[in-house]
Amino acid sequence: MSTLPSQISDLSIAEKVELLGALWEDIEAHAPALSDEQEAELDRRVAEYERNPSDVIPWEQLRAELFKH
């Protein structure tokens, strides 16, 4: 009997992409609603980004810094 990770490893790239899409759709369909506070915080962050888009650190740079040590 194989485990789920080994089954995933056996998939082709196209099958993995299809699986990933199906997983995201399932997560979106079953995700709990955000609270009013969470919605307000997301709105605040988006507005802050839109005011100062150059004040962000790109994910690639942040990830490189995190895994540098």
N, C-alpha and C. Protein backbone atom coordinates (compact mmCIF):
# COMPACT_ATOMS: atom_id res chain seq x y z
N MET A 1 0.85 -1.19 0.00
CA MET A 1 0.00 0.00 0.00
C MET A 1 0.89 1.24 0.00
N SER A 2 0.64 2.17 -0.93
CA SER A 2 1.47 3.36 -1.00
C SER A 2 0.79 4.53 -0.29
N THR A 3 1.60 5.47 0.12
CA THR A 3 1.07 6.64 0.81
C THR A 3 0.71 7.72 -0.20
N LEU A 4 -0.05 8.68 0.23
CA LEU A 4 -0.46 9.77 -0.65
C LEU A 4 0.73 10.51 -1.26
N PRO A 5 1.77 10.88 -0.46
CA PRO A 5 2.91 11.56 -1.10
C PRO A 5 3.57 10.74 -2.20
N SER A 6 3.69 9.44 -2.01
CA SER A 6 4.31 8.64 -3.07
C SER A 6 3.38 8.54 -4.28
N GLN A 7 2.09 8.53 -4.06
CA GLN A 7 1.15 8.51 -5.18
C GLN A 7 1.26 9.81 -5.97
N ILE A 8 1.43 10.92 -5.27
CA ILE A 8 1.58 12.21 -5.94
C ILE A 8 2.87 12.22 -6.74
N SER A 9 3.93 11.69 -6.18
CA SER A 9 5.22 11.64 -6.89
C SER A 9 5.12 10.87 -8.19
N ASP A 10 4.22 9.91 -8.25
CA ASP A 10 4.06 9.10 -9.45
C ASP A 10 3.28 9.79 -10.56
N LEU A 11 2.65 10.92 -10.25
CA LEU A 11 1.85 11.63 -11.26
C LEU A 11 2.75 12.40 -12.22
N SER A 12 2.24 12.59 -13.43
CA SER A 12 2.95 13.45 -14.39
C SER A 12 2.76 14.90 -13.96
N ILE A 13 3.54 15.80 -14.55
CA ILE A 13 3.40 17.22 -14.25
C ILE A 13 1.98 17.69 -14.56
N ALA A 14 1.45 17.29 -15.69
CA ALA A 14 0.09 17.70 -16.07
C ALA A 14 -0.93 17.21 -15.05
N GLU A 15 -0.76 15.98 -14.57
CA GLU A 15 -1.68 15.44 -13.57
C GLU A 15 -1.54 16.18 -12.24
N LYS A 16 -0.32 16.56 -11.89
CA LYS A 16 -0.11 17.33 -10.65
C LYS A 16 -0.77 18.69 -10.74
N VAL A 17 -0.65 19.35 -11.90
CA VAL A 17 -1.29 20.65 -12.10
C VAL A 17 -2.80 20.51 -12.01
N GLU A 18 -3.33 19.47 -12.61
CA GLU A 18 -4.78 19.22 -12.54
C GLU A 18 -5.21 18.97 -11.10
N LEU A 19 -4.43 18.18 -10.37
CA LEU A 19 -4.73 17.92 -8.96
C LEU A 19 -4.69 19.20 -8.15
N LEU A 20 -3.67 20.01 -8.39
CA LEU A 20 -3.56 21.27 -7.67
C LEU A 20 -4.78 22.16 -7.91
N GLY A 21 -5.21 22.23 -9.16
CA GLY A 21 -6.40 23.02 -9.48
C GLY A 21 -7.63 22.49 -8.77
N ALA A 22 -7.78 21.18 -8.75
CA ALA A 22 -8.93 20.57 -8.07
C ALA A 22 -8.88 20.84 -6.57
N LEU A 23 -7.68 20.77 -6.00
CA LEU A 23 -7.55 21.05 -4.57
C LEU A 23 -7.92 22.49 -4.24
N TRP A 24 -7.44 23.46 -5.04
CA TRP A 24 -7.78 24.86 -4.80
C TRP A 24 -9.29 25.08 -4.91
N GLU A 25 -9.91 24.48 -5.91
CA GLU A 25 -11.36 24.63 -6.06
C GLU A 25 -12.09 24.07 -4.85
N ASP A 26 -11.63 22.93 -4.35
CA ASP A 26 -12.26 22.33 -3.17
C ASP A 26 -12.05 23.19 -1.94
N ILE A 27 -10.85 23.72 -1.78
CA ILE A 27 -10.57 24.59 -0.63
C ILE A 27 -11.45 25.83 -0.69
N GLU A 28 -11.55 26.45 -1.87
CA GLU A 28 -12.39 27.63 -2.02
C GLU A 28 -13.85 27.32 -1.72
N ALA A 29 -14.31 26.16 -2.14
CA ALA A 29 -15.71 25.79 -1.94
C ALA A 29 -16.02 25.54 -0.47
N HIS A 30 -15.02 25.14 0.31
CA HIS A 30 -15.26 24.79 1.71
C HIS A 30 -14.61 25.73 2.71
N ALA A 31 -14.04 26.82 2.21
CA ALA A 31 -13.38 27.77 3.12
C ALA A 31 -14.42 28.51 3.95
N PRO A 32 -14.12 28.70 5.22
CA PRO A 32 -15.06 29.46 6.06
C PRO A 32 -15.04 30.93 5.64
N ALA A 33 -16.14 31.59 5.87
CA ALA A 33 -16.22 33.01 5.55
C ALA A 33 -15.30 33.80 6.48
N LEU A 34 -14.79 34.90 5.96
CA LEU A 34 -13.96 35.77 6.80
C LEU A 34 -14.85 36.56 7.75
N SER A 35 -14.31 36.85 8.91
CA SER A 35 -15.04 37.70 9.85
C SER A 35 -14.98 39.14 9.35
N ASP A 36 -15.80 39.99 9.92
CA ASP A 36 -15.77 41.41 9.55
C ASP A 36 -14.39 42.00 9.82
N GLU A 37 -13.77 41.59 10.92
CA GLU A 37 -12.44 42.09 11.28
C GLU A 37 -11.40 41.65 10.25
N GLN A 38 -11.48 40.40 9.81
CA GLN A 38 -10.54 39.90 8.81
C GLN A 38 -10.72 40.64 7.48
N GLU A 39 -11.97 40.84 7.07
CA GLU A 39 -12.25 41.58 5.84
C GLU A 39 -11.69 42.99 5.93
N ALA A 40 -11.89 43.64 7.07
CA ALA A 40 -11.40 45.01 7.25
C ALA A 40 -9.87 45.04 7.19
N GLU A 41 -9.22 44.07 7.79
CA GLU A 41 -7.76 44.02 7.76
C GLU A 41 -7.24 43.81 6.33
N LEU A 42 -7.87 42.91 5.59
CA LEU A 42 -7.47 42.71 4.20
C LEU A 42 -7.68 43.98 3.38
N ASP A 43 -8.80 44.63 3.57
CA ASP A 43 -9.07 45.89 2.86
C ASP A 43 -8.02 46.94 3.20
N ARG A 44 -7.63 47.02 4.48
CA ARG A 44 -6.63 47.98 4.92
C ARG A 44 -5.29 47.69 4.24
N ARG A 45 -4.90 46.42 4.19
CA ARG A 45 -3.62 46.04 3.60
C ARG A 45 -3.59 46.32 2.09
N VAL A 46 -4.69 46.04 1.42
CA VAL A 46 -4.76 46.31 -0.02
C VAL A 46 -4.66 47.82 -0.26
N ALA A 47 -5.38 48.60 0.53
CA ALA A 47 -5.34 50.05 0.37
C ALA A 47 -3.93 50.58 0.64
N GLU A 48 -3.27 50.05 1.65
CA GLU A 48 -1.89 50.47 1.96
C GLU A 48 -0.96 50.13 0.81
N TYR A 49 -1.12 48.95 0.25
CA TYR A 49 -0.30 48.56 -0.91
C TYR A 49 -0.57 49.49 -2.08
N GLU A 50 -1.82 49.80 -2.35
CA GLU A 50 -2.16 50.65 -3.48
C GLU A 50 -1.61 52.07 -3.32
N ARG A 51 -1.49 52.53 -2.07
CA ARG A 51 -0.91 53.85 -1.81
C ARG A 51 0.60 53.83 -2.00
N ASN A 52 1.25 52.72 -1.62
CA ASN A 52 2.71 52.62 -1.66
C ASN A 52 3.16 51.27 -2.21
N PRO A 53 2.95 51.00 -3.49
CA PRO A 53 3.29 49.69 -4.03
C PRO A 53 4.78 49.36 -3.98
N SER A 54 5.64 50.37 -3.87
CA SER A 54 7.08 50.11 -3.82
C SER A 54 7.55 49.76 -2.41
N ASP A 55 6.68 49.82 -1.43
CA ASP A 55 7.05 49.51 -0.05
C ASP A 55 6.90 48.03 0.30
N VAL A 56 6.79 47.18 -0.69
CA VAL A 56 6.64 45.75 -0.43
C VAL A 56 7.93 45.01 -0.76
N ILE A 57 8.08 43.85 -0.18
CA ILE A 57 9.21 42.98 -0.48
C ILE A 57 8.67 41.84 -1.34
N PRO A 58 9.24 41.65 -2.53
CA PRO A 58 8.76 40.56 -3.38
C PRO A 58 8.94 39.21 -2.69
N TRP A 59 8.01 38.29 -2.93
CA TRP A 59 8.05 36.98 -2.31
C TRP A 59 9.39 36.28 -2.56
N GLU A 60 9.90 36.37 -3.76
CA GLU A 60 11.16 35.70 -4.09
C GLU A 60 12.29 36.19 -3.20
N GLN A 61 12.34 37.50 -2.97
CA GLN A 61 13.38 38.08 -2.11
C GLN A 61 13.20 37.65 -0.67
N LEU A 62 11.98 37.70 -0.18
CA LEU A 62 11.70 37.28 1.20
C LEU A 62 12.03 35.82 1.40
N ARG A 63 11.63 34.99 0.47
CA ARG A 63 11.90 33.54 0.56
C ARG A 63 13.40 33.28 0.57
N ALA A 64 14.14 33.97 -0.29
CA ALA A 64 15.59 33.80 -0.33
C ALA A 64 16.21 34.20 1.01
N GLU A 65 15.73 35.26 1.60
CA GLU A 65 16.25 35.70 2.91
C GLU A 65 15.92 34.68 4.00
N LEU A 66 14.73 34.14 3.96
CA LEU A 66 14.32 33.17 4.98
C LEU A 66 15.15 31.90 4.93
N PHE A 67 15.47 31.45 3.73
CA PHE A 67 16.18 30.18 3.58
C PHE A 67 17.69 30.35 3.45
N LYS A 68 18.17 31.59 3.60
CA LYS A 68 19.59 31.85 3.48
C LYS A 68 20.36 31.30 4.69
N HIS A 69 19.74 31.25 5.82
CA HIS A 69 20.43 30.86 7.07
C HIS A 69 20.32 29.40 7.35
